[in-house]
């Protein structure tokens, strides 16, 4: 696993000084050592380990769930330059632009659309749900990343079940006390949809970004 940490640190990281690379590599070494033996395949471990690195919380190793096709489908979508749809500005701001340039992926945040507030008021729902309804036809083949709004995740699950929308991957990690756990359980029960999720109340935009970053890095590693 130490070799994997070193390879991860050696991925092109513009603006990261040597000292920063060393700190990251040492962090991964510590995580590997403290985690000890585990049953994660190498591709899933890259993602779980980055989430632990981001949060400092080993509990995520027990909470994360992967659809059997999640990483393969997500990586294929990234390689073909598929768009990434996010529920918050925080995710949009948190994803490294230079990682996006590896495959030419573009981030779109439906709730930032200038008409999203009008859509919400007209339908009597949240801004996220209204925006995700209007963007639904664009989701097929793309990657949907949700770290904050359980209502948006529930809307995506509804679209998958009732409208036949088929994202290449759904990353569902909303955090909170109202519908967060329920929305992720609903995603996990949608067996036909490739997904990565975090069960329970934990999650958040930083966790969603960590999952996406790890997937981008893994895709680049196996693509070179």
Protein backbone atom coordinates (compact mmCIF):
# COMPACT_ATOMS: atom_id res chain seq x y z
CA UNK A 1 0.00 0.00 0.00
CA UNK A 2 2.93 2.36 0.57
CA UNK A 3 3.74 2.09 -3.13
CA UNK A 4 0.16 3.07 -3.94
CA UNK A 5 0.49 6.14 -1.72
CA UNK A 6 3.68 7.14 -3.51
CA UNK A 7 2.09 6.69 -6.92
CA UNK A 8 -0.87 8.83 -5.85
CA UNK A 9 1.45 11.58 -4.64
CA UNK A 10 3.33 11.52 -7.93
CA UNK A 11 0.26 12.31 -10.05
CA UNK A 12 0.73 15.70 -11.67
CA UNK A 13 -0.26 18.24 -9.01
CA UNK A 14 0.50 21.78 -10.23
CA UNK A 15 1.03 24.26 -7.42
CA UNK A 16 1.71 21.61 -4.79
CA UNK A 17 5.17 22.10 -3.32
CA UNK A 18 7.43 19.16 -2.49
CA UNK A 19 6.69 19.67 1.20
CA UNK A 20 2.98 19.38 0.49
CA UNK A 21 3.51 16.18 -1.46
CA UNK A 22 5.50 14.73 1.43
CA UNK A 23 2.78 15.61 3.93
CA UNK A 24 0.11 14.01 1.77
CA UNK A 25 2.19 10.87 1.24
CA UNK A 26 2.85 10.62 4.97
CA UNK A 27 -0.84 11.10 5.70
CA UNK A 28 -1.72 8.22 3.40
CA UNK A 29 0.99 6.08 4.99
CA UNK A 30 -0.49 6.71 8.43
CA UNK A 31 -4.00 5.92 7.19
CA UNK A 32 -2.79 2.67 5.62
CA UNK A 33 -1.01 1.70 8.84
CA UNK A 34 -3.90 2.55 11.16
CA UNK A 35 -6.49 0.94 8.92
CA UNK A 36 -4.53 -2.30 8.80
CA UNK A 37 -5.99 -5.27 6.96
CA UNK A 38 -9.20 -4.62 5.05
CA UNK A 39 -11.23 -6.14 2.24
CA UNK A 40 -11.43 -3.14 -0.11
CA UNK A 41 -10.19 -3.75 -3.67
CA UNK A 42 -7.46 -1.29 -4.62
CA UNK A 43 -9.74 0.97 -6.68
CA UNK A 44 -12.29 1.33 -3.86
CA UNK A 45 -9.58 1.81 -1.26
CA UNK A 46 -8.20 4.82 -3.16
CA UNK A 47 -11.60 6.47 -2.71
CA UNK A 48 -12.21 5.42 0.89
CA UNK A 49 -8.70 6.46 1.88
CA UNK A 50 -9.10 9.95 0.39
CA UNK A 51 -12.38 10.41 2.23
CA UNK A 52 -10.66 9.40 5.48
CA UNK A 53 -7.83 11.79 4.62
CA UNK A 54 -10.33 14.61 4.07
CA UNK A 55 -12.37 14.00 7.22
CA UNK A 56 -9.90 12.40 9.65
CA UNK A 57 -12.65 9.87 10.32
CA UNK A 58 -12.12 6.12 9.88
CA UNK A 59 -15.85 5.56 10.40
CA UNK A 60 -16.27 6.21 6.68
CA UNK A 61 -14.64 2.86 5.96
CA UNK A 62 -17.76 1.24 7.42
CA UNK A 63 -20.25 3.67 5.92
CA UNK A 64 -19.23 3.81 2.26
CA UNK A 65 -21.06 1.70 -0.29
CA UNK A 66 -20.11 0.96 -3.90
CA UNK A 67 -22.32 -0.39 -6.65
CA UNK A 68 -20.36 -3.16 -8.47
CA UNK A 69 -20.19 -1.04 -11.65
CA UNK A 70 -19.70 2.35 -9.97
CA UNK A 71 -15.98 2.90 -10.50
CA UNK A 72 -15.87 1.40 -13.99
CA UNK A 73 -18.89 3.36 -15.18
CA UNK A 74 -17.69 6.58 -13.54
CA UNK A 75 -14.19 6.23 -14.98
CA UNK A 76 -15.55 5.60 -18.47
CA UNK A 77 -17.71 8.71 -18.21
CA UNK A 78 -14.79 10.82 -17.04
CA UNK A 79 -12.58 9.58 -19.87
CA UNK A 80 -15.12 10.59 -22.49
CA UNK A 81 -15.39 14.08 -20.99
CA UNK A 82 -18.88 13.66 -19.53
CA UNK A 83 -20.32 16.63 -17.60
CA UNK A 84 -20.47 16.61 -13.81
CA UNK A 85 -23.65 17.93 -12.16
CA UNK A 86 -23.42 19.17 -8.57
CA UNK A 87 -25.96 20.37 -6.04
CA UNK A 88 -23.83 23.09 -4.44
CA UNK A 89 -21.39 25.86 -5.25
CA UNK A 90 -19.13 24.36 -2.58
CA UNK A 91 -18.55 21.23 -4.65
CA UNK A 92 -18.05 23.29 -7.78
CA UNK A 93 -15.48 25.45 -5.97
CA UNK A 94 -13.80 22.49 -4.28
CA UNK A 95 -13.00 20.41 -7.37
CA UNK A 96 -9.49 21.14 -8.64
CA UNK A 97 -9.61 22.76 -12.10
CA UNK A 98 -6.43 20.97 -13.13
CA UNK A 99 -8.02 17.59 -12.36
CA UNK A 100 -10.97 18.51 -14.57
CA UNK A 101 -8.56 19.36 -17.39
CA UNK A 102 -7.23 15.79 -17.44
CA UNK A 103 -10.29 14.61 -19.38
CA UNK A 104 -12.02 17.89 -20.22
CA UNK A 105 -14.92 17.47 -17.79
CA UNK A 106 -17.13 20.46 -17.06
CA UNK A 107 -19.01 21.09 -13.83
CA UNK A 108 -22.57 22.33 -13.97
CA UNK A 109 -24.57 23.37 -10.90
CA UNK A 110 -28.28 23.47 -11.80
CA UNK A 111 -29.27 25.56 -8.76
CA UNK A 112 -26.99 28.36 -10.01
CA UNK A 113 -29.20 28.80 -13.08
CA UNK A 114 -30.67 32.33 -12.94
CA UNK A 115 -34.21 30.99 -13.24
CA UNK A 116 -33.89 28.33 -10.54
CA UNK A 117 -35.53 30.48 -7.86
CA UNK A 118 -38.50 31.12 -10.13
CA UNK A 119 -38.80 27.41 -10.87
CA UNK A 120 -38.82 26.66 -7.13
CA UNK A 121 -41.48 29.25 -6.34
CA UNK A 122 -43.64 28.09 -9.22
CA UNK A 123 -43.54 24.44 -8.13
CA UNK A 124 -43.53 25.00 -4.36
CA UNK A 125 -40.35 23.03 -3.81
CA UNK A 126 -36.71 23.65 -2.99
CA UNK A 127 -34.41 25.40 -5.41
CA UNK A 128 -32.28 22.29 -5.76
CA UNK A 129 -35.22 20.04 -6.60
CA UNK A 130 -36.67 22.54 -9.08
CA UNK A 131 -33.32 22.95 -10.82
CA UNK A 132 -32.66 19.22 -10.93
CA UNK A 133 -36.11 18.69 -12.48
CA UNK A 134 -35.26 21.13 -15.27
CA UNK A 135 -31.86 19.57 -15.89
CA UNK A 136 -33.06 15.97 -15.76
CA UNK A 137 -32.76 15.26 -19.49
CA UNK A 138 -29.06 16.15 -19.32
CA UNK A 139 -28.15 13.66 -16.60
CA UNK A 140 -28.04 10.49 -18.69
CA UNK A 141 -24.41 9.56 -19.30
CA UNK A 142 -23.15 12.22 -16.90
CA UNK A 143 -21.99 12.13 -13.29
CA UNK A 144 -24.27 13.51 -10.57
CA UNK A 145 -22.55 14.57 -7.35
CA UNK A 146 -24.67 15.52 -4.33
CA UNK A 147 -23.12 16.51 -1.02
CA UNK A 148 -25.65 18.77 0.64
CA UNK A 149 -29.24 18.48 -0.59
CA UNK A 150 -31.07 15.22 0.23
CA UNK A 151 -34.09 16.53 -1.68
CA UNK A 152 -31.97 16.75 -4.83
CA UNK A 153 -30.79 13.17 -4.35
CA UNK A 154 -34.36 11.97 -3.83
CA UNK A 155 -35.35 13.77 -7.02
CA UNK A 156 -32.57 12.05 -8.96
CA UNK A 157 -33.66 8.67 -7.55
CA UNK A 158 -37.22 9.45 -8.64
CA UNK A 159 -36.04 10.32 -12.14
CA UNK A 160 -34.09 7.07 -12.37
CA UNK A 161 -37.03 4.98 -11.21
CA UNK A 162 -39.89 6.78 -12.96
CA UNK A 163 -38.39 8.52 -15.99
CA UNK A 164 -35.60 6.17 -17.01
CA UNK A 165 -32.83 8.75 -16.50
CA UNK A 166 -29.48 6.93 -16.43
CA UNK A 167 -26.47 8.84 -15.08
CA UNK A 168 -23.18 7.00 -15.55
CA UNK A 169 -22.60 7.49 -11.82
CA UNK A 170 -24.36 9.07 -8.87
CA UNK A 171 -22.21 10.13 -5.93
CA UNK A 172 -24.67 10.57 -3.08
CA UNK A 173 -23.23 12.03 0.12
CA UNK A 174 -25.67 14.59 1.55
CA UNK A 175 -25.13 15.37 5.21
CA UNK A 176 -27.71 16.17 7.86
CA UNK A 177 -30.65 15.12 9.98
CA UNK A 178 -33.64 15.54 7.63
CA UNK A 179 -33.88 13.02 4.79
CA UNK A 180 -30.09 12.66 4.46
CA UNK A 181 -29.95 9.03 5.59
CA UNK A 182 -33.22 8.24 3.85
CA UNK A 183 -32.10 9.68 0.52
CA UNK A 184 -28.89 7.64 0.53
CA UNK A 185 -30.77 4.50 1.47
CA UNK A 186 -33.13 5.15 -1.46
CA UNK A 187 -30.16 5.52 -3.79
CA UNK A 188 -28.58 2.32 -2.47
CA UNK A 189 -31.86 0.45 -2.98
CA UNK A 190 -31.93 1.56 -6.63
CA UNK A 191 -29.93 -1.48 -7.64
CA UNK A 192 -29.75 -0.70 -11.35
CA UNK A 193 -27.94 2.62 -10.81
CA UNK A 194 -24.12 2.74 -10.47
CA UNK A 195 -23.54 4.75 -7.30
CA UNK A 196 -21.12 5.56 -4.51
CA UNK A 197 -22.74 6.62 -1.27
CA UNK A 198 -22.19 7.10 2.46
CA UNK A 199 -24.83 5.55 4.67
CA UNK A 200 -26.31 7.43 7.61
CA UNK A 201 -26.17 11.11 8.49
CA UNK A 202 -22.52 11.73 7.67
CA UNK A 203 -21.27 13.20 4.42
CA UNK A 204 -21.12 16.71 3.03
CA UNK A 205 -19.69 18.63 0.11
CA UNK A 206 -16.09 17.99 1.18
CA UNK A 207 -16.76 14.24 1.20
CA UNK A 208 -18.38 14.41 -2.23
CA UNK A 209 -15.36 16.33 -3.55
CA UNK A 210 -12.98 13.78 -2.02
CA UNK A 211 -14.81 10.93 -3.76
CA UNK A 212 -14.72 12.74 -7.09
CA UNK A 213 -11.05 13.69 -6.72
CA UNK A 214 -10.12 10.09 -5.92
CA UNK A 215 -12.11 8.82 -8.89
CA UNK A 216 -10.42 11.32 -11.20
CA UNK A 217 -6.97 10.31 -9.90
CA UNK A 218 -7.73 6.60 -10.20
CA UNK A 219 -9.04 7.09 -13.76
CA UNK A 220 -5.90 8.94 -14.75
CA UNK A 221 -3.67 6.34 -13.12
CA UNK A 222 -5.22 3.43 -15.00
CA UNK A 223 -5.44 5.47 -18.21
CA UNK A 224 -1.66 6.08 -18.43
